[in-house]
């Protein structure tokens, strides 16, 4: 079972892109707090955070793309209503081979 993400067993879970966007927003707020700190440690942390923000943005783009692919191929997700996953195995059942 997933801890954060929406699934058939966790219909109240989150979409991956929503979590990533929320995390990115939190990091931006943290960066704002240390932006004026010119100590070497703060500059190092800020540089790391900027790299992480770039990677998060790439992950958001990939997640949104996956959602678009699934929506186009199988229609909107029904996981929020407790529906089955659109791809993958369901409770150990085998999927038809393509």
Protein backbone atom coordinates (compact mmCIF):
# COMPACT_ATOMS: atom_id res chain seq x y z
CA UNK A 1 0.00 0.00 0.00
CA UNK A 2 1.21 3.49 -0.76
CA UNK A 3 1.73 5.97 2.07
CA UNK A 4 1.11 9.22 0.18
CA UNK A 5 0.01 8.41 -3.36
CA UNK A 6 -3.52 7.68 -4.53
CA UNK A 7 -4.27 4.02 -5.23
CA UNK A 8 -7.23 1.67 -5.21
CA UNK A 9 -6.50 0.95 -1.54
CA UNK A 10 -5.81 4.62 -0.73
CA UNK A 11 -8.36 6.63 -2.72
CA UNK A 12 -7.74 9.71 -0.56
CA UNK A 13 -4.05 9.75 -1.52
CA UNK A 14 -2.33 12.45 -3.56
CA UNK A 15 -1.29 12.65 -7.18
CA UNK A 16 2.49 12.55 -7.53
CA UNK A 17 2.68 15.87 -9.36
CA UNK A 18 0.66 17.58 -6.61
CA UNK A 19 3.05 16.37 -3.91
CA UNK A 20 6.07 17.40 -5.95
CA UNK A 21 4.64 20.87 -6.56
CA UNK A 22 3.87 21.29 -2.87
CA UNK A 23 7.40 20.20 -1.95
CA UNK A 24 8.87 22.62 -4.50
CA UNK A 25 6.81 25.49 -3.06
CA UNK A 26 8.05 24.65 0.45
CA UNK A 27 11.65 24.62 -0.73
CA UNK A 28 11.22 27.98 -2.44
CA UNK A 29 10.01 29.44 0.86
CA UNK A 30 13.07 28.03 2.62
CA UNK A 31 15.33 29.50 -0.06
CA UNK A 32 13.71 32.88 0.44
CA UNK A 33 14.63 32.75 4.12
CA UNK A 34 18.33 32.12 3.44
CA UNK A 35 18.68 34.12 0.21
CA UNK A 36 20.39 37.11 1.87
CA UNK A 37 22.75 35.00 4.01
CA UNK A 38 26.23 35.26 2.49
CA UNK A 39 28.05 32.86 4.79
CA UNK A 40 29.76 30.03 2.91
CA UNK A 41 27.50 27.40 4.48
CA UNK A 42 24.35 29.26 3.44
CA UNK A 43 25.69 29.74 -0.09
CA UNK A 44 26.48 26.02 -0.28
CA UNK A 45 23.01 25.05 0.95
CA UNK A 46 21.39 27.51 -1.48
CA UNK A 47 23.36 26.05 -4.40
CA UNK A 48 22.25 22.54 -3.40
CA UNK A 49 18.64 23.72 -3.05
CA UNK A 50 18.72 25.30 -6.51
CA UNK A 51 19.87 21.99 -8.00
CA UNK A 52 17.17 20.13 -6.09
CA UNK A 53 14.54 22.63 -7.31
CA UNK A 54 15.62 21.99 -10.89
CA UNK A 55 15.34 18.24 -10.40
CA UNK A 56 11.93 18.64 -8.76
CA UNK A 57 10.77 20.72 -11.73
CA UNK A 58 11.93 17.96 -14.09
CA UNK A 59 10.12 15.36 -11.98
CA UNK A 60 6.93 17.46 -12.06
CA UNK A 61 7.14 17.69 -15.86
CA UNK A 62 7.59 13.91 -16.13
CA UNK A 63 4.73 13.20 -13.73
CA UNK A 64 2.38 15.54 -15.61
CA UNK A 65 3.39 13.86 -18.87
CA UNK A 66 2.60 10.41 -17.43
CA UNK A 67 -0.80 11.64 -16.27
CA UNK A 68 -1.52 13.00 -19.77
CA UNK A 69 -0.52 9.67 -21.35
CA UNK A 70 -2.76 7.70 -18.99
CA UNK A 71 -5.67 10.13 -19.39
CA UNK A 72 -5.40 9.95 -23.18
CA UNK A 73 -5.13 6.15 -23.26
CA UNK A 74 -7.52 5.13 -20.49
CA UNK A 75 -9.54 8.19 -19.52
CA UNK A 76 -9.50 9.97 -16.17
CA UNK A 77 -8.34 8.05 -13.12
CA UNK A 78 -11.05 6.59 -10.91
CA UNK A 79 -8.64 5.94 -8.01
CA UNK A 80 -10.09 8.83 -5.98
CA UNK A 81 -13.43 6.99 -6.04
CA UNK A 82 -11.78 3.66 -5.14
CA UNK A 83 -11.52 2.49 -8.74
CA UNK A 84 -8.87 0.11 -10.06
CA UNK A 85 -5.48 1.26 -11.31
CA UNK A 86 -5.34 2.10 -14.99
CA UNK A 87 -2.13 0.12 -15.55
CA UNK A 88 -0.20 -2.52 -13.66
CA UNK A 89 -1.32 -5.51 -11.65
CA UNK A 90 -4.39 -5.45 -9.46
CA UNK A 91 -4.08 -7.43 -6.21
CA UNK A 92 -1.74 -9.96 -7.82
CA UNK A 93 -3.93 -10.54 -10.90
CA UNK A 94 -2.07 -10.87 -14.18
CA UNK A 95 -2.65 -8.27 -16.87
CA UNK A 96 -3.20 -9.36 -20.47
CA UNK A 97 0.05 -9.43 -22.44
CA UNK A 98 0.30 -6.79 -25.15
